[in-house]
């Protein structure tokens, strides 16, 4: 009912483009994140492109980012004429490993772009220290971790996406804060960057018909903003529901042979956009995926092929931990509307598979 009322108001007022609903949602998300500047845009991929455009990088700049991720970030790096430099990840948290970043820095490096994968934040304290040492920008991809909190060694807490120079997110319908179509946003604490981001999203204009820089047409739709305002009020309850599912999975699967439950990084909360198991090997992963499908339990592999092995983004670098994860990860259902019977059925099905699974022998 809340969603219907909010969207009906936009329709009745016909304020479809940059209407009051957009400004209202941006202000609400600023408060939620404790971040002074939130700029809505058309989708999460645009958010990444706008973020990199706002930094005004020289052609051919190198951007350090994990290869264990979706393609959107590598895509915009290439589209803008820059070079992705693929980093290794921690095999337990799935997050970019700061220990390997410094070795990848060259005179052409301009940006470190961590991805807060599956719902928890990368080690931003370490990443920011490296960036400061080498005078690099930090762009956070927060599409899967909106609402996660990162705590530094001094006790300070920061929302995912608000620690680097620029943060981005997606409101794709399946995200933790999802709309009824496409949508995205860019965050920053820097007023100068915020102004530039708003201009880029609006054809490079500060005022109409005056184009100061090359921009895009990338706007958050007013109908989607109205819906997001409603859902934002419930985001913490969505997060709690996802954590309850994850807690039940952890308790049931932590001791099963051949299973590794997702590690929760010390220093970050987890909002469980995905719940991802790591299985013993690819054969076990494929057998479990097939068995669960036969029992009508959906699963997904995020991600079956690392970015550096994709045809469009190929790089001969060797990333054994990333490549190993791509062969062994499997994500189980985790969402806010899972009822106890569904949860119990999934747990029983996975447990039965474990009991009956016979590893292949040479």
Protein backbone atom coordinates (compact mmCIF):
# COMPACT_ATOMS: atom_id res chain seq x y z
CA UNK A 1 0.00 0.00 0.00
CA UNK A 2 2.82 2.41 0.79
CA UNK A 3 4.39 1.75 -2.59
CA UNK A 4 1.08 2.17 -4.44
CA UNK A 5 0.40 5.48 -2.72
CA UNK A 6 3.87 6.87 -3.40
CA UNK A 7 3.87 5.93 -7.07
CA UNK A 8 0.29 7.12 -7.58
CA UNK A 9 1.29 10.56 -6.32
CA UNK A 10 4.03 10.81 -8.96
CA UNK A 11 1.60 9.75 -11.69
CA UNK A 12 -1.11 12.19 -10.62
CA UNK A 13 1.38 15.05 -10.55
CA UNK A 14 3.12 13.92 -13.77
CA UNK A 15 6.53 14.78 -12.27
CA UNK A 16 8.28 11.93 -14.04
CA UNK A 17 11.72 13.49 -14.64
CA UNK A 18 13.74 15.01 -11.78
CA UNK A 19 10.58 15.48 -9.76
CA UNK A 20 10.26 16.06 -6.03
CA UNK A 21 10.37 12.30 -5.40
CA UNK A 22 13.96 12.15 -6.66
CA UNK A 23 15.15 14.99 -4.47
CA UNK A 24 13.29 13.50 -1.49
CA UNK A 25 14.90 10.09 -1.94
CA UNK A 26 18.37 11.53 -2.44
CA UNK A 27 18.01 13.47 0.82
CA UNK A 28 16.75 10.39 2.67
CA UNK A 29 19.60 8.25 1.40
CA UNK A 30 22.07 10.96 2.41
CA UNK A 31 20.71 10.74 5.95
CA UNK A 32 20.74 6.94 5.93
CA UNK A 33 24.36 6.80 4.78
CA UNK A 34 25.48 9.88 6.71
CA UNK A 35 26.93 11.15 3.44
CA UNK A 36 26.41 14.76 2.30
CA UNK A 37 25.98 14.12 -1.42
CA UNK A 38 23.84 11.44 -3.12
CA UNK A 39 23.09 11.78 -6.82
CA UNK A 40 20.58 9.45 -8.45
CA UNK A 41 21.23 8.06 -11.93
CA UNK A 42 19.74 5.60 -14.40
CA UNK A 43 21.41 2.37 -13.26
CA UNK A 44 24.37 0.92 -11.41
CA UNK A 45 26.57 0.65 -14.49
CA UNK A 46 26.01 4.33 -15.27
CA UNK A 47 26.92 5.09 -11.65
CA UNK A 48 30.32 3.45 -12.17
CA UNK A 49 30.87 5.24 -15.48
CA UNK A 50 29.88 8.62 -14.04
CA UNK A 51 32.20 8.06 -11.06
CA UNK A 52 35.21 7.43 -13.29
CA UNK A 53 34.29 10.29 -15.63
CA UNK A 54 34.07 12.66 -12.66
CA UNK A 55 37.70 11.93 -11.76
CA UNK A 56 38.84 13.25 -15.18
CA UNK A 57 41.52 10.58 -15.53
CA UNK A 58 44.17 10.76 -18.26
CA UNK A 59 43.67 8.28 -21.15
CA UNK A 60 45.01 4.81 -20.44
CA UNK A 61 44.83 5.14 -16.66
CA UNK A 62 45.02 1.89 -14.74
CA UNK A 63 42.23 0.91 -12.34
CA UNK A 64 42.96 -1.86 -9.84
CA UNK A 65 39.87 -4.01 -9.27
CA UNK A 66 39.05 -7.66 -8.46
CA UNK A 67 38.52 -10.16 -11.27
CA UNK A 68 36.00 -12.05 -9.11
CA UNK A 69 33.05 -9.78 -9.83
CA UNK A 70 30.36 -8.87 -12.34
CA UNK A 71 31.54 -7.29 -15.61
CA UNK A 72 30.03 -3.81 -15.19
CA UNK A 73 33.12 -2.19 -13.69
CA UNK A 74 35.54 -3.70 -16.21
CA UNK A 75 33.09 -2.70 -18.94
CA UNK A 76 33.09 1.00 -18.09
CA UNK A 77 36.85 1.04 -17.55
CA UNK A 78 37.28 -0.18 -21.13
CA UNK A 79 34.58 2.11 -22.52
CA UNK A 80 36.39 5.14 -21.09
CA UNK A 81 39.72 4.09 -22.58
CA UNK A 82 41.31 2.97 -19.35
CA UNK A 83 42.90 -0.32 -18.29
CA UNK A 84 41.60 -2.72 -15.63
CA UNK A 85 44.34 -4.29 -13.53
CA UNK A 86 42.94 -7.42 -11.95
CA UNK A 87 43.63 -8.14 -8.29
CA UNK A 88 43.38 -11.34 -6.29
CA UNK A 89 40.70 -11.87 -3.64
CA UNK A 90 40.59 -13.46 -0.22
CA UNK A 91 39.20 -16.99 -0.84
CA UNK A 92 37.09 -16.94 2.33
CA UNK A 93 35.46 -13.49 2.21
CA UNK A 94 35.58 -13.19 -1.63
CA UNK A 95 36.77 -9.57 -1.26
CA UNK A 96 39.77 -7.87 -2.86
CA UNK A 97 42.90 -8.66 -0.84
CA UNK A 98 44.72 -5.44 0.15
CA UNK A 99 47.95 -7.41 0.61
CA UNK A 100 48.26 -7.82 -3.15
CA UNK A 101 47.33 -4.30 -4.24
CA UNK A 102 50.64 -2.46 -3.82
CA UNK A 103 52.50 -4.84 -6.11
CA UNK A 104 50.08 -3.91 -8.92
CA UNK A 105 50.65 -0.16 -8.70
CA UNK A 106 52.56 1.43 -11.60
CA UNK A 107 53.12 5.04 -12.69
CA UNK A 108 49.86 4.74 -14.68
CA UNK A 109 47.71 3.65 -11.74
CA UNK A 110 45.08 6.22 -10.80
CA UNK A 111 42.26 4.34 -9.05
CA UNK A 112 41.66 1.45 -6.66
CA UNK A 113 38.10 0.18 -7.14
CA UNK A 114 37.09 -2.38 -4.49
CA UNK A 115 33.86 -4.32 -4.91
CA UNK A 116 31.89 -4.95 -1.72
CA UNK A 117 30.86 -8.39 -2.93
CA UNK A 118 27.89 -10.40 -1.69
CA UNK A 119 27.01 -7.92 1.07
CA UNK A 120 30.04 -7.01 3.18
CA UNK A 121 32.70 -4.37 2.82
CA UNK A 122 36.27 -4.86 1.71
CA UNK A 123 39.03 -3.85 4.13
CA UNK A 124 38.65 -0.15 3.43
CA UNK A 125 41.00 1.00 6.17
CA UNK A 126 43.89 -0.84 4.51
CA UNK A 127 42.81 0.18 1.00
CA UNK A 128 42.51 3.85 1.92
CA UNK A 129 45.98 3.76 3.50
CA UNK A 130 47.47 2.36 0.30
CA UNK A 131 45.60 4.92 -1.79
CA UNK A 132 46.79 7.80 0.38
CA UNK A 133 50.39 6.58 0.25
CA UNK A 134 50.35 6.49 -3.56
CA UNK A 135 47.98 9.45 -4.10
CA UNK A 136 45.28 7.34 -5.77
CA UNK A 137 41.52 7.73 -6.00
CA UNK A 138 39.22 5.12 -4.43
CA UNK A 139 35.87 4.26 -6.07
CA UNK A 140 33.67 1.80 -4.17
CA UNK A 141 31.25 -0.53 -5.97
CA UNK A 142 28.49 -0.93 -3.37
CA UNK A 143 25.83 -2.50 -5.60
CA UNK A 144 25.63 -5.61 -3.39
CA UNK A 145 26.30 -4.06 0.02
CA UNK A 146 24.06 -1.04 0.52
CA UNK A 147 23.58 -0.67 4.28
CA UNK A 148 26.70 -2.60 5.32
CA UNK A 149 28.85 -0.88 7.94
CA UNK A 150 32.66 -0.89 8.03
CA UNK A 151 34.40 -0.28 11.37
CA UNK A 152 37.98 1.01 11.49
CA UNK A 153 40.59 0.25 14.14
CA UNK A 154 39.89 3.59 15.85
CA UNK A 155 36.28 2.52 16.43
CA UNK A 156 34.77 4.79 13.78
CA UNK A 157 32.01 3.33 11.63
CA UNK A 158 31.26 4.13 8.02
CA UNK A 159 28.54 3.09 5.58
CA UNK A 160 29.59 1.10 2.53
CA UNK A 161 30.17 3.46 -0.37
CA UNK A 162 31.02 6.52 1.74
CA UNK A 163 34.68 5.91 2.58
CA UNK A 164 36.42 6.41 -0.74
CA UNK A 165 36.35 9.46 -2.99
CA UNK A 166 33.21 8.15 -4.70
CA UNK A 167 30.79 5.29 -4.01
CA UNK A 168 28.24 3.77 -6.36
CA UNK A 169 25.24 1.51 -6.07
CA UNK A 170 22.52 -0.16 -8.12
CA UNK A 171 18.79 -0.37 -7.44
CA UNK A 172 18.24 -3.32 -9.80
CA UNK A 173 15.11 -5.17 -8.60
CA UNK A 174 17.01 -8.07 -7.04
CA UNK A 175 19.29 -5.83 -4.95
CA UNK A 176 18.73 -5.42 -1.21
CA UNK A 177 17.32 -1.96 -1.95
CA UNK A 178 15.71 -2.59 -5.31
CA UNK A 179 13.21 -0.68 -7.41
CA UNK A 180 10.72 -1.80 -10.07
CA UNK A 181 13.17 -1.36 -12.94
CA UNK A 182 16.60 0.17 -13.35
CA UNK A 183 18.13 2.76 -11.06
CA UNK A 184 21.41 3.72 -9.44
CA UNK A 185 23.16 6.35 -7.36
CA UNK A 186 26.56 7.91 -6.76
CA UNK A 187 27.78 9.06 -3.32
CA UNK A 188 30.58 11.42 -2.31
CA UNK A 189 31.70 13.61 0.56
CA UNK A 190 33.44 16.01 -1.82
CA UNK A 191 31.28 18.98 -2.85
CA UNK A 192 33.34 19.62 -5.98
CA UNK A 193 33.02 16.03 -7.15
CA UNK A 194 29.29 16.08 -6.34
CA UNK A 195 28.74 19.10 -8.58
CA UNK A 196 30.71 17.48 -11.38
CA UNK A 197 28.75 14.22 -10.99
CA UNK A 198 25.42 16.06 -11.20
CA UNK A 199 26.60 17.82 -14.35
CA UNK A 200 27.76 14.59 -15.98
CA UNK A 201 24.40 12.94 -15.25
CA UNK A 202 22.64 15.90 -16.93
CA UNK A 203 24.45 16.20 -20.28
CA UNK A 204 27.35 18.12 -18.71
CA UNK A 205 25.09 21.02 -17.76
CA UNK A 206 25.13 23.18 -14.66
CA UNK A 207 22.28 25.17 -16.17
CA UNK A 208 20.09 24.34 -19.13
CA UNK A 209 21.64 24.68 -22.60
CA UNK A 210 25.08 25.44 -21.16
CA UNK A 211 27.27 22.37 -21.62
CA UNK A 212 30.57 22.78 -19.77
CA UNK A 213 31.79 19.17 -19.91
CA UNK A 214 30.89 16.03 -21.83
CA UNK A 215 28.17 14.21 -19.96
CA UNK A 216 25.45 11.59 -20.17
CA UNK A 217 21.70 11.44 -19.93
CA UNK A 218 21.47 9.37 -16.76
CA UNK A 219 18.60 10.11 -14.40
CA UNK A 220 16.85 8.23 -11.64
CA UNK A 221 13.20 7.97 -12.64
CA UNK A 222 10.77 9.73 -10.28
CA UNK A 223 8.53 6.65 -10.02
CA UNK A 224 11.49 4.53 -8.98
CA UNK A 225 12.65 7.17 -6.49
CA UNK A 226 9.19 7.24 -4.88
CA UNK A 227 9.27 3.47 -4.46
CA UNK A 228 12.82 3.55 -3.12
CA UNK A 229 11.81 6.09 -0.48
CA UNK A 230 9.25 3.61 0.79
CA UNK A 231 11.62 0.65 0.75
CA UNK A 232 14.51 2.55 2.35
CA UNK A 233 12.45 2.81 5.55
CA UNK A 234 12.38 -1.00 5.69
CA UNK A 235 15.97 -1.70 4.63
CA UNK A 236 17.21 -2.57 8.12
CA UNK A 237 14.38 -5.09 8.56
CA UNK A 238 15.24 -6.61 5.16
CA UNK A 239 18.84 -6.88 6.32
CA UNK A 240 17.79 -8.61 9.55
CA UNK A 241 15.65 -11.12 7.62
CA UNK A 242 18.55 -11.97 5.31
CA UNK A 243 20.89 -12.39 8.27
CA UNK A 244 18.43 -14.74 9.94
CA UNK A 245 18.50 -16.97 6.85
CA UNK A 246 22.30 -16.80 6.71
CA UNK A 247 22.59 -17.67 10.41
CA UNK A 248 20.40 -20.73 9.92
CA UNK A 249 22.47 -21.85 6.92
CA UNK A 250 25.72 -21.35 8.85
CA UNK A 251 24.48 -23.45 11.75
CA UNK A 252 23.33 -26.24 9.44
CA UNK A 253 26.24 -26.36 6.98
CA UNK A 254 29.38 -25.33 8.86
CA UNK A 255 30.29 -28.91 9.83
CA UNK A 256 29.29 -30.66 6.59
CA UNK A 257 32.22 -32.31 4.79
CA UNK A 258 33.36 -30.45 1.70
CA UNK A 259 31.45 -27.28 2.59
CA UNK A 260 32.83 -23.86 3.51
CA UNK A 261 30.28 -21.30 4.66
CA UNK A 262 30.96 -17.65 3.77
CA UNK A 263 33.37 -15.93 6.14
CA UNK A 264 32.21 -12.71 7.77
CA UNK A 265 35.03 -10.20 7.66
CA UNK A 266 35.98 -8.78 11.02
CA UNK A 267 35.31 -5.07 10.80
CA UNK A 268 32.24 -5.28 8.57
CA UNK A 269 28.59 -6.09 9.00
CA UNK A 270 27.05 -8.33 6.33
CA UNK A 271 23.76 -7.63 4.54
CA UNK A 272 23.81 -10.94 2.61
CA UNK A 273 22.88 -9.91 -0.88
CA UNK A 274 24.03 -13.45 -1.65
CA UNK A 275 24.73 -16.46 0.54
CA UNK A 276 27.60 -18.26 -1.17
CA UNK A 277 29.05 -21.63 -0.25
CA UNK A 278 32.45 -22.82 -1.42
CA UNK A 279 32.43 -26.53 -2.23
CA UNK A 280 35.35 -28.97 -2.22
CA UNK A 281 35.74 -28.99 -5.99
CA UNK A 282 33.92 -28.32 -9.25
CA UNK A 283 32.51 -31.84 -9.45
CA UNK A 284 30.86 -31.49 -6.04
CA UNK A 285 29.52 -28.05 -6.99
CA UNK A 286 27.94 -29.34 -10.21
CA UNK A 287 26.48 -32.41 -8.48
CA UNK A 288 24.93 -30.26 -5.75
CA UNK A 289 23.55 -27.75 -8.22
CA UNK A 290 21.89 -30.56 -10.19
CA UNK A 291 20.55 -32.26 -7.07
CA UNK A 292 19.02 -29.06 -5.73
CA UNK A 293 17.46 -28.29 -9.12
CA UNK A 294 15.81 -31.71 -9.08
CA UNK A 295 14.32 -30.76 -5.70
CA UNK A 296 13.13 -27.36 -7.02
CA UNK A 297 15.70 -25.39 -5.03
CA UNK A 298 17.15 -22.64 -7.23
CA UNK A 299 20.86 -21.89 -7.09
CA UNK A 300 23.19 -19.56 -8.97
CA UNK A 301 26.90 -19.37 -9.67
CA UNK A 302 28.31 -15.88 -9.03
CA UNK A 303 30.62 -15.96 -11.04
CA UNK A 304 31.45 -18.92 -13.32
CA UNK A 305 34.20 -17.16 -15.31
CA UNK A 306 36.57 -14.55 -13.85
CA UNK A 307 36.87 -11.25 -15.68
CA UNK A 308 40.45 -11.85 -16.78
CA UNK A 309 39.29 -15.00 -18.62
CA UNK A 310 36.34 -13.33 -20.36
CA UNK A 311 36.86 -12.77 -24.09
CA UNK A 312 36.01 -9.06 -23.85
CA UNK A 313 38.31 -8.37 -20.90
CA UNK A 314 40.99 -11.03 -21.31
CA UNK A 315 44.27 -10.67 -19.49
CA UNK A 316 46.89 -13.46 -19.22
CA UNK A 317 47.53 -12.73 -15.52
CA UNK A 318 47.30 -15.75 -13.22
CA UNK A 319 44.88 -15.44 -10.30
CA UNK A 320 44.65 -18.96 -8.88
CA UNK A 321 42.45 -18.12 -5.89
CA UNK A 322 39.92 -16.30 -8.06
CA UNK A 323 39.96 -19.06 -10.66
CA UNK A 324 39.48 -21.68 -7.97
CA UNK A 325 36.48 -19.87 -6.51
CA UNK A 326 34.83 -19.64 -9.92
CA UNK A 327 34.95 -23.44 -10.09
CA UNK A 328 33.62 -24.03 -6.58
CA UNK A 329 31.14 -21.34 -5.45
CA UNK A 330 27.38 -21.84 -5.32
CA UNK A 331 24.81 -19.36 -4.00
CA UNK A 332 21.66 -20.50 -2.19
CA UNK A 333 18.36 -18.61 -1.91
CA UNK A 334 18.47 -15.74 0.57
CA UNK A 335 15.75 -13.11 0.60
CA UNK A 336 13.44 -11.18 2.87
CA UNK A 337 10.29 -13.22 2.28
CA UNK A 338 11.62 -16.71 2.95
CA UNK A 339 9.25 -18.48 5.31
CA UNK A 340 10.37 -21.08 7.90
CA UNK A 341 9.09 -24.03 5.85
CA UNK A 342 11.04 -22.94 2.79
CA UNK A 343 14.18 -22.42 4.83
CA UNK A 344 13.87 -25.80 6.52
CA UNK A 345 13.26 -27.54 3.18
CA UNK A 346 16.44 -26.03 1.68
CA UNK A 347 18.49 -26.98 4.73
CA UNK A 348 17.16 -30.55 4.68
CA UNK A 349 17.79 -30.87 0.94
CA UNK A 350 21.37 -29.65 1.19
CA UNK A 351 22.04 -31.83 4.24
CA UNK A 352 20.66 -34.89 2.44
CA UNK A 353 22.86 -34.17 -0.55
CA UNK A 354 25.90 -34.01 1.71
CA UNK A 355 25.02 -37.31 3.37
CA UNK A 356 24.59 -39.10 0.06
CA UNK A 357 27.34 -37.49 -2.03
CA UNK A 358 30.11 -39.80 -3.16
CA UNK A 359 33.21 -37.97 -4.41
CA UNK A 360 34.45 -39.06 -7.81
CA UNK A 361 37.58 -41.16 -7.79
CA UNK A 362 40.22 -41.32 -10.48
